[in-house]
């Protein structure tokens, strides 16, 4: 082996593998991995999830990159155990076979995606407890590149509770294409923590926790678990590169031996200059909670424990600024789609130039009634987010194979005039007009006060 390494100029940091990751718009990013990085990821996954070599593994999805690749190709060899493979095609054609395999081989740790949970909820009509028992399942990892979807997991647990799946088994994994294991909540003996945030404070850059009974417009978020082993996460202001204060959210920066080879590294101002941090491009915050550790892996109970949980709010590229305030597009889109589900099939909000544009794919067959929906959309967004939409467009929105909005493709078609528009309605004159109106109001108030 030593002669082979000398002949091939082997170095520990050499590239060993390249992941090709496609997004919803079918653009791709290439991720370089070295032998050392792959071994570090395997070690982190083994130590964090307490994976034993005495139990087999089962892999089904995303065999070509991320945590799916690690579980499919590497972990079985790293642990010295067998890995059973099920193709995504088989899962979507015969979904029950996947869960039968989990039950038959007593799988304790498995990785799934949100689309797998959603597909199982929609296709398996009458789950039975006679042939499937998942009480031995201890760590069902659900990968989220963005904010976890609370509704999908809740419906999955509710429908398949006859299989003895506990809600504490679900592990939200915050994964980035450059690090598939930034944080996860494996083997935490309590359910995911839900917080309700004031949307007005969120647009100002602060985290203000509220009571949902007193604040019906609050935004619900769920934790992405605790930081992985051998990983450090810091919340940093992306503009000043300084650590955020308590109560602020910022960009998630990570220092980990499991990070792939990337140029997105930076130093924190006024912090340890010897450490290079990976900039994820995602916004989030850390929150301390105290929970009772009811059941440990060995079966014994435990006392109260204090944990620092990571909450992922979303990608910076899926936000926009308006009048100095920051808005997450998924919050606005979810509000429209959940409130007006009888009229809206899909929605997308974006800012082009100085105009905030709301695009709606309507379920209405007739275009005559579209104008009557515009005031409802505008009023709902204004009352919840204090944001005035400038243009409301009704069109057919392109989506990816799994139903994700193709944002760049939609905006490109809108700008070059190739987007099929059923109706367009102007509401406001853009951000510049709002700024001039505010200045006019301010000057009038000052003149009145001076007199």
Protein backbone atom coordinates (compact mmCIF):
# COMPACT_ATOMS: atom_id res chain seq x y z
CA UNK A 1 0.00 0.00 0.00
CA UNK A 2 2.84 2.40 0.81
CA UNK A 3 4.45 1.72 -2.59
CA UNK A 4 1.12 2.32 -4.31
CA UNK A 5 0.69 5.66 -2.55
CA UNK A 6 4.18 6.77 -3.53
CA UNK A 7 3.63 5.78 -7.16
CA UNK A 8 0.33 7.65 -7.41
CA UNK A 9 1.49 10.65 -5.38
CA UNK A 10 -1.14 10.00 -2.74
CA UNK A 11 -1.82 12.78 -0.26
CA UNK A 12 -4.37 12.80 2.54
CA UNK A 13 -5.99 15.99 1.28
CA UNK A 14 -6.28 14.90 -2.35
CA UNK A 15 -9.66 14.91 -4.03
CA UNK A 16 -11.23 11.46 -3.91
CA UNK A 17 -14.78 12.17 -4.98
CA UNK A 18 -16.95 14.86 -6.54
CA UNK A 19 -20.63 15.23 -5.68
CA UNK A 20 -22.87 16.82 -8.34
CA UNK A 21 -25.84 18.50 -6.65
CA UNK A 22 -28.78 19.83 -8.70
CA UNK A 23 -31.27 22.39 -7.41
CA UNK A 24 -34.89 23.03 -8.36
CA UNK A 25 -33.85 25.15 -11.38
CA UNK A 26 -31.69 22.28 -12.69
CA UNK A 27 -28.46 24.19 -12.12
CA UNK A 28 -25.73 22.21 -10.44
CA UNK A 29 -22.92 22.62 -7.95
CA UNK A 30 -19.91 20.34 -7.69
CA UNK A 31 -18.66 19.40 -4.22
CA UNK A 32 -15.12 18.05 -3.75
CA UNK A 33 -14.37 15.50 -1.04
CA UNK A 34 -11.08 14.09 0.14
CA UNK A 35 -10.45 10.72 1.79
CA UNK A 36 -9.97 12.48 5.11
CA UNK A 37 -13.29 14.33 4.84
CA UNK A 38 -15.23 11.16 4.06
CA UNK A 39 -13.71 9.37 7.04
CA UNK A 40 -14.50 12.35 9.29
CA UNK A 41 -18.14 12.37 8.15
CA UNK A 42 -18.43 8.64 8.87
CA UNK A 43 -16.86 9.13 12.30
CA UNK A 44 -19.19 12.04 13.12
CA UNK A 45 -22.27 10.07 12.05
CA UNK A 46 -21.19 7.00 14.02
CA UNK A 47 -20.45 8.91 17.23
CA UNK A 48 -23.43 11.27 17.08
CA UNK A 49 -26.00 8.59 16.22
CA UNK A 50 -24.32 5.85 18.28
CA UNK A 51 -24.54 3.45 15.33
CA UNK A 52 -23.54 -0.11 16.18
CA UNK A 53 -21.90 -2.62 13.86
CA UNK A 54 -24.23 -5.30 15.24
CA UNK A 55 -27.24 -3.88 13.39
CA UNK A 56 -27.67 -3.71 9.59
CA UNK A 57 -28.32 -0.51 7.63
CA UNK A 58 -31.05 0.26 5.11
CA UNK A 59 -30.61 2.89 2.39
CA UNK A 60 -33.18 4.05 -0.12
CA UNK A 61 -32.73 7.60 -1.35
CA UNK A 62 -30.12 10.07 -2.64
CA UNK A 63 -27.45 7.48 -3.21
CA UNK A 64 -25.32 9.96 -5.16
CA UNK A 65 -24.67 12.73 -2.62
CA UNK A 66 -25.02 13.89 0.95
CA UNK A 67 -26.18 11.75 3.83
CA UNK A 68 -27.81 9.29 1.45
CA UNK A 69 -24.46 8.58 -0.20
CA UNK A 70 -22.73 8.23 3.17
CA UNK A 71 -25.30 5.72 4.38
CA UNK A 72 -25.45 3.79 1.10
CA UNK A 73 -21.79 3.53 0.12
CA UNK A 74 -19.56 4.26 3.11
CA UNK A 75 -21.16 3.49 6.49
CA UNK A 76 -21.53 -0.25 5.95
CA UNK A 77 -17.82 -0.58 5.13
CA UNK A 78 -16.81 1.82 7.90
CA UNK A 79 -18.79 -0.09 10.53
CA UNK A 80 -18.28 -3.57 9.14
CA UNK A 81 -21.98 -4.33 8.75
CA UNK A 82 -24.31 -5.14 5.87
CA UNK A 83 -26.32 -2.49 4.01
CA UNK A 84 -29.65 -3.31 2.38
CA UNK A 85 -30.53 -1.21 -0.66
CA UNK A 86 -33.96 -0.24 -1.95
CA UNK A 87 -34.24 1.90 -5.06
CA UNK A 88 -36.31 5.11 -5.05
CA UNK A 89 -38.40 3.66 -7.89
CA UNK A 90 -39.33 0.66 -5.74
CA UNK A 91 -40.20 2.95 -2.83
CA UNK A 92 -42.58 5.03 -4.93
CA UNK A 93 -44.20 1.99 -6.58
CA UNK A 94 -44.29 -0.30 -3.53
CA UNK A 95 -43.91 1.98 -0.52
CA UNK A 96 -44.89 -0.58 2.09
CA UNK A 97 -41.88 -2.79 1.19
CA UNK A 98 -39.52 -0.19 2.66
CA UNK A 99 -41.26 -0.22 6.03
CA UNK A 100 -41.55 -4.01 5.94
CA UNK A 101 -37.76 -4.12 5.56
CA UNK A 102 -37.34 -1.74 8.49
CA UNK A 103 -39.47 -4.05 10.60
CA UNK A 104 -37.99 -7.35 9.40
CA UNK A 105 -34.32 -6.44 9.82
CA UNK A 106 -34.83 -4.45 13.04
CA UNK A 107 -33.25 -1.30 11.60
CA UNK A 108 -32.44 1.30 14.27
CA UNK A 109 -31.04 4.14 12.14
CA UNK A 110 -32.39 5.19 8.76
CA UNK A 111 -32.26 8.28 6.56
CA UNK A 112 -35.31 9.61 4.70
CA UNK A 113 -36.44 12.77 2.95
CA UNK A 114 -39.56 14.85 3.45
CA UNK A 115 -40.86 13.69 0.06
CA UNK A 116 -40.65 10.07 1.25
CA UNK A 117 -42.74 10.89 4.32
CA UNK A 118 -45.27 12.78 2.20
CA UNK A 119 -45.51 9.99 -0.36
CA UNK A 120 -46.07 7.37 2.34
CA UNK A 121 -48.81 9.47 3.92
CA UNK A 122 -50.60 9.84 0.59
CA UNK A 123 -50.25 6.32 -0.81
CA UNK A 124 -50.57 3.94 2.17
CA UNK A 125 -54.30 4.11 2.85
CA UNK A 126 -54.89 1.70 5.73
CA UNK A 127 -51.69 0.96 7.68
CA UNK A 128 -51.85 -2.25 9.71
CA UNK A 129 -49.89 -3.23 12.79
CA UNK A 130 -49.98 -6.97 12.01
CA UNK A 131 -47.05 -7.06 9.60
CA UNK A 132 -45.09 -3.91 10.50
CA UNK A 133 -43.69 -3.05 13.93
CA UNK A 134 -41.27 -0.13 14.14
CA UNK A 135 -40.99 0.08 17.92
CA UNK A 136 -37.28 -0.79 17.63
CA UNK A 137 -36.62 2.20 15.33
CA UNK A 138 -34.66 4.72 17.38
CA UNK A 139 -33.43 7.28 14.87
CA UNK A 140 -35.39 8.28 11.77
CA UNK A 141 -33.31 11.04 10.22
CA UNK A 142 -35.18 13.45 7.95
CA UNK A 143 -32.87 15.69 5.93
CA UNK A 144 -33.80 19.34 5.54
CA UNK A 145 -31.74 21.77 3.45
CA UNK A 146 -34.12 24.48 4.65
CA UNK A 147 -36.57 25.06 7.50
CA UNK A 148 -38.24 21.83 8.68
CA UNK A 149 -41.84 21.39 7.56
CA UNK A 150 -43.85 20.73 10.70
CA UNK A 151 -47.02 19.60 8.93
CA UNK A 152 -45.43 16.75 6.95
CA UNK A 153 -43.85 15.09 9.99
CA UNK A 154 -46.98 15.59 12.09
CA UNK A 155 -49.22 13.91 9.52
CA UNK A 156 -46.76 11.03 9.12
CA UNK A 157 -46.65 10.31 12.87
CA UNK A 158 -50.41 10.62 13.19
CA UNK A 159 -51.20 8.22 10.36
CA UNK A 160 -48.63 5.54 11.20
CA UNK A 161 -48.89 5.51 14.98
CA UNK A 162 -50.19 1.93 14.68
CA UNK A 163 -46.61 1.01 13.70
CA UNK A 164 -45.41 2.19 17.13
CA UNK A 165 -43.46 5.16 15.75
CA UNK A 166 -42.78 7.72 18.46
CA UNK A 167 -42.51 11.41 17.63
CA UNK A 168 -39.24 11.53 19.57
CA UNK A 169 -37.75 9.13 17.00
CA UNK A 170 -37.96 11.77 14.26
CA UNK A 171 -34.60 13.51 13.91
CA UNK A 172 -34.51 16.75 11.93
CA UNK A 173 -31.11 16.88 10.23
CA UNK A 174 -29.86 20.27 9.08
CA UNK A 175 -27.71 19.36 6.12
CA UNK A 176 -25.78 21.52 3.69
CA UNK A 177 -24.33 20.34 0.41
CA UNK A 178 -20.86 21.08 1.86
CA UNK A 179 -21.61 19.36 5.18
CA UNK A 180 -24.43 16.81 5.46
CA UNK A 181 -24.26 16.67 9.28
CA UNK A 182 -24.27 20.19 10.70
CA UNK A 183 -26.87 19.42 13.35
CA UNK A 184 -29.34 16.65 14.18
CA UNK A 185 -31.48 15.55 17.11
CA UNK A 186 -30.75 11.82 17.15
CA UNK A 187 -31.51 9.97 20.40
CA UNK A 188 -33.00 12.97 22.15
CA UNK A 189 -35.77 11.51 24.31
CA UNK A 190 -38.19 14.40 23.81
CA UNK A 191 -40.22 15.66 20.89
CA UNK A 192 -38.96 18.43 18.59
CA UNK A 193 -39.17 21.89 20.16
CA UNK A 194 -41.59 24.33 18.52
CA UNK A 195 -41.25 28.08 18.88
CA UNK A 196 -43.57 30.85 17.75
CA UNK A 197 -41.91 34.03 16.46
CA UNK A 198 -43.28 37.52 15.92
CA UNK A 199 -43.10 38.21 12.14
CA UNK A 200 -42.61 41.97 12.61
CA UNK A 201 -39.60 41.45 14.89
CA UNK A 202 -38.26 38.83 12.49
CA UNK A 203 -38.27 41.32 9.62
CA UNK A 204 -36.24 43.69 11.83
CA UNK A 205 -33.59 41.05 12.52
CA UNK A 206 -34.71 39.96 15.99
CA UNK A 207 -36.15 36.79 17.51
CA UNK A 208 -39.16 37.65 19.67
CA UNK A 209 -40.89 34.60 21.14
CA UNK A 210 -44.65 34.97 21.55
CA UNK A 211 -47.64 32.95 22.72
CA UNK A 212 -49.54 31.63 19.67
CA UNK A 213 -52.85 32.07 21.50
CA UNK A 214 -52.17 35.78 21.91
CA UNK A 215 -50.46 36.26 18.52
CA UNK A 216 -52.40 34.51 15.74
CA UNK A 217 -50.01 35.90 13.11
CA UNK A 218 -46.94 34.30 14.71
CA UNK A 219 -44.60 32.07 12.68
CA UNK A 220 -44.02 28.54 13.95
CA UNK A 221 -40.50 27.09 13.65
CA UNK A 222 -39.06 23.76 14.76
CA UNK A 223 -35.55 22.95 15.90
CA UNK A 224 -32.96 21.18 13.77
CA UNK A 225 -31.37 19.47 16.74
CA UNK A 226 -28.06 19.92 18.51
CA UNK A 227 -24.72 20.57 16.88
CA UNK A 228 -22.95 17.41 15.72
CA UNK A 229 -19.82 15.94 17.28
CA UNK A 230 -16.56 17.75 16.41
CA UNK A 231 -18.55 20.70 15.04
CA UNK A 232 -18.81 24.30 16.18
CA UNK A 233 -21.58 26.62 14.99
CA UNK A 234 -21.63 30.39 15.42
CA UNK A 235 -24.38 32.85 14.45
CA UNK A 236 -22.69 35.74 12.63
CA UNK A 237 -23.86 38.98 11.05
CA UNK A 238 -23.09 38.36 7.35
CA UNK A 239 -22.37 42.05 6.68
CA UNK A 240 -20.16 42.97 9.65
CA UNK A 241 -18.77 39.43 10.16
CA UNK A 242 -19.24 39.84 13.91
CA UNK A 243 -21.00 37.46 16.28
CA UNK A 244 -24.69 38.28 16.71
CA UNK A 245 -25.97 39.36 20.10
CA UNK A 246 -28.53 37.44 22.12
CA UNK A 247 -31.96 37.81 20.51
CA UNK A 248 -30.62 38.36 16.99
CA UNK A 249 -30.51 35.92 14.11
CA UNK A 250 -27.77 35.78 11.51
CA UNK A 251 -25.87 33.58 9.11
CA UNK A 252 -24.90 30.12 10.30
CA UNK A 253 -21.12 29.69 10.27
CA UNK A 254 -19.61 26.26 10.91
CA UNK A 255 -16.17 25.00 11.88
CA UNK A 256 -16.06 21.25 11.39
CA UNK A 257 -13.72 18.54 10.21
CA UNK A 258 -16.64 17.14 8.19
CA UNK A 259 -16.82 20.16 5.87
CA UNK A 260 -15.92 19.42 2.26
CA UNK A 261 -13.27 21.21 0.24
CA UNK A 262 -14.70 24.68 -0.41
CA UNK A 263 -13.68 28.29 -0.87
CA UNK A 264 -16.57 29.62 1.23
CA UNK A 265 -14.38 30.07 4.30
CA UNK A 266 -13.99 33.22 6.38
CA UNK A 267 -12.83 34.60 9.73
CA UNK A 268 -15.02 36.15 12.44
CA UNK A 269 -14.13 39.72 13.35
CA UNK A 270 -12.76 39.92 16.89
CA UNK A 271 -12.79 36.14 17.30
CA UNK A 272 -10.21 33.40 17.07
CA UNK A 273 -8.31 34.24 13.89
CA UNK A 274 -6.80 30.75 13.77
CA UNK A 275 -10.17 29.16 12.97
CA UNK A 276 -11.62 29.11 9.48
CA UNK A 277 -15.42 29.04 9.42
CA UNK A 278 -17.55 27.75 6.59
CA UNK A 279 -20.29 30.18 5.53
CA UNK A 280 -23.45 28.18 4.91
CA UNK A 281 -25.52 30.97 3.37
CA UNK A 282 -28.39 30.03 5.71
CA UNK A 283 -29.97 32.18 8.41
CA UNK A 284 -30.77 30.87 11.88
CA UNK A 285 -30.31 31.21 15.62
CA UNK A 286 -29.38 29.16 18.70
CA UNK A 287 -31.80 28.72 21.59
CA UNK A 288 -31.24 27.13 25.01
CA UNK A 289 -33.90 24.78 26.38
CA UNK A 290 -34.18 22.63 29.51
CA UNK A 291 -35.82 19.24 29.08
CA UNK A 292 -36.24 16.09 31.13
CA UNK A 293 -34.35 13.15 29.71
CA UNK A 294 -37.06 10.56 30.28
CA UNK A 295 -35.47 7.63 28.51
CA UNK A 296 -31.86 7.05 27.67
CA UNK A 297 -30.44 4.49 25.29
CA UNK A 298 -29.73 2.06 28.10
CA UNK A 299 -33.29 2.32 29.37
CA UNK A 300 -32.59 4.28 32.56
CA UNK A 301 -34.24 7.58 33.28
CA UNK A 302 -32.42 10.87 33.64
CA UNK A 303 -32.87 14.28 35.18
CA UNK A 304 -33.27 17.64 33.50
CA UNK A 305 -30.72 18.49 30.84
CA UNK A 306 -29.93 21.82 29.20
CA UNK A 307 -29.38 21.82 25.47
CA UNK A 308 -28.60 24.45 22.87
CA UNK A 309 -30.76 23.82 19.82
CA UNK A 310 -30.21 25.20 16.34
CA UNK A 311 -33.12 26.72 14.43
CA UNK A 312 -32.71 27.09 10.67
CA UNK A 313 -34.84 29.92 9.27
CA UNK A 314 -33.96 29.62 5.60
CA UNK A 315 -31.51 30.53 2.87
CA UNK A 316 -30.28 34.09 2.39
CA UNK A 317 -30.97 33.77 -1.34
CA UNK A 318 -34.65 33.14 -0.54
CA UNK A 319 -35.09 36.44 1.29
CA UNK A 320 -35.49 40.01 0.10
CA UNK A 321 -35.19 43.45 1.64
CA UNK A 322 -37.90 46.07 1.40
CA UNK A 323 -37.76 49.46 3.12
CA UNK A 324 -34.85 48.21 5.20
CA UNK A 325 -36.72 45.13 6.47
CA UNK A 326 -35.95 41.48 5.71
CA UNK A 327 -38.63 39.02 4.59
CA UNK A 328 -38.53 35.25 4.08
CA UNK A 329 -40.38 34.27 0.93
CA UNK A 330 -41.48 30.91 2.36
CA UNK A 331 -43.37 32.62 5.19
CA UNK A 332 -45.38 34.74 2.77
CA UNK A 333 -45.98 31.85 0.37
CA UNK A 334 -47.07 29.51 3.16
CA UNK A 335 -49.49 32.13 4.47
CA UNK A 336 -51.14 32.55 1.07
CA UNK A 337 -51.31 28.82 0.30
CA UNK A 338 -52.62 27.80 3.73
CA UNK A 339 -55.24 30.55 4.11
CA UNK A 340 -56.51 30.54 0.51
CA UNK A 341 -56.06 26.83 -0.24
CA UNK A 342 -59.41 26.73 -2.06
CA UNK A 343 -58.21 29.25 -4.65
CA UNK A 344 -54.40 28.88 -4.78
CA UNK A 345 -52.55 25.88 -6.21
CA UNK A 346 -49.09 27.43 -5.89
CA UNK A 347 -47.56 30.81 -5.10
CA UNK A 348 -44.23 32.60 -5.36
CA UNK A 349 -43.14 35.99 -4.08
CA UNK A 350 -40.05 37.84 -5.26
CA UNK A 351 -38.62 41.31 -5.58
CA UNK A 352 -37.63 42.50 -9.03
CA UNK A 353 -36.09 45.95 -9.06
CA UNK A 354 -38.04 48.01 -6.54
CA UNK A 355 -41.28 46.02 -6.95
CA UNK A 356 -42.53 43.24 -4.68
CA UNK A 357 -44.37 40.81 -6.95
CA UNK A 358 -46.75 38.08 -5.80
CA UNK A 359 -47.28 35.34 -8.39
CA UNK A 360 -50.28 33.06 -7.99
CA UNK A 361 -51.22 29.85 -9.78
CA UNK A 362 -54.97 29.86 -9.33
CA UNK A 363 -57.39 26.96 -9.14
CA UNK A 364 -60.13 29.12 -10.67
CA UNK A 365 -61.00 28.12 -14.22
CA UNK A 366 -62.44 31.51 -15.09
CA UNK A 367 -60.15 34.53 -15.32
CA UNK A 368 -63.03 36.92 -14.63
CA UNK A 369 -63.00 36.35 -10.87
CA UNK A 370 -59.24 36.80 -10.41
CA UNK A 371 -59.45 40.51 -9.69
CA UNK A 372 -61.72 39.88 -6.71
CA UNK A 373 -58.98 37.79 -5.06
CA UNK A 374 -56.31 40.49 -5.24
CA UNK A 375 -57.57 42.57 -2.25
CA UNK A 376 -57.71 39.41 -0.11
CA UNK A 377 -54.08 38.53 -0.84
CA UNK A 378 -52.82 42.08 -0.34
CA UNK A 379 -54.73 42.58 2.91
CA UNK A 380 -53.53 39.29 4.41
CA UNK A 381 -49.86 40.02 3.68
CA UNK A 382 -50.22 43.60 4.93
CA UNK A 383 -51.88 42.59 8.20
CA UNK A 384 -49.40 39.80 9.01
CA UNK A 385 -46.09 41.12 7.69
CA UNK A 386 -46.72 44.89 7.33
CA UNK A 387 -45.65 44.51 3.71
CA UNK A 388 -47.38 46.13 0.75
CA UNK A 389 -47.34 44.03 -2.42
CA UNK A 390 -46.82 46.12 -5.56
CA UNK A 391 -47.98 43.71 -8.28
CA UNK A 392 -50.15 40.58 -8.19
CA UNK A 393 -49.69 38.25 -11.17
CA UNK A 394 -51.77 35.17 -12.01
CA UNK A 395 -49.77 32.71 -14.10
CA UNK A 396 -48.75 29.08 -14.56
CA UNK A 397 -45.66 28.66 -12.36
CA UNK A 398 -43.00 26.14 -13.39
CA UNK A 399 -42.04 23.62 -10.72
CA UNK A 400 -39.44 20.87 -10.44
CA UNK A 401 -40.08 17.14 -10.56
CA UNK A 402 -40.83 17.05 -6.82
CA UNK A 403 -42.99 20.17 -6.82
CA UNK A 404 -40.47 22.86 -5.77
CA UNK A 405 -40.75 26.35 -7.22
CA UNK A 406 -38.24 27.08 -9.98
CA UNK A 407 -37.65 30.65 -8.83
CA UNK A 408 -34.94 31.77 -11.21
CA UNK A 409 -36.68 30.20 -14.18
CA UNK A 410 -39.94 31.93 -13.26
CA UNK A 411 -38.31 35.34 -12.82
CA UNK A 412 -36.39 34.94 -16.07
CA UNK A 413 -39.58 34.14 -17.96
CA UNK A 414 -41.38 37.04 -16.32
CA UNK A 415 -38.65 39.50 -17.32
CA UNK A 416 -38.35 38.35 -20.94
CA UNK A 417 -42.13 38.12 -21.38
CA UNK A 418 -42.40 34.35 -21.94
CA UNK A 419 -44.31 33.57 -18.73
CA UNK A 420 -47.92 32.68 -19.51
CA UNK A 421 -49.83 35.34 -17.57
CA UNK A 422 -53.59 35.10 -17.05
CA UNK A 423 -53.91 38.44 -15.30
CA UNK A 424 -51.75 41.17 -13.77
CA UNK A 425 -52.91 43.79 -11.27
CA UNK A 426 -50.98 46.79 -9.97
CA UNK A 427 -51.37 47.71 -6.30
CA UNK A 428 -48.51 50.06 -5.46
CA UNK A 429 -45.82 52.01 -7.30
CA UNK A 430 -42.79 50.26 -5.85
CA UNK A 431 -40.31 50.82 -3.04
CA UNK A 432 -39.14 54.22 -4.32
CA UNK A 433 -42.69 55.54 -4.22
CA UNK A 434 -43.09 54.27 -0.65
CA UNK A 435 -39.85 55.99 0.38
CA UNK A 436 -41.03 59.29 -1.12
CA UNK A 437 -44.38 58.94 0.66
CA UNK A 438 -42.65 58.33 4.00
CA UNK A 439 -40.41 61.35 3.46
CA UNK A 440 -43.44 63.51 2.60
CA UNK A 441 -45.30 62.38 5.72
CA UNK A 442 -42.20 63.02 7.84
CA UNK A 443 -41.77 66.54 6.43
CA UNK A 444 -45.44 67.37 7.05
CA UNK A 445 -45.20 66.16 10.66
CA UNK A 446 -42.07 68.21 11.26
CA UNK A 447 -43.65 71.34 9.79
CA UNK A 448 -46.72 70.90 11.98
CA UNK A 449 -44.57 70.40 15.08
CA UNK A 450 -42.50 73.51 14.30
CA UNK A 451 -45.62 75.67 14.06
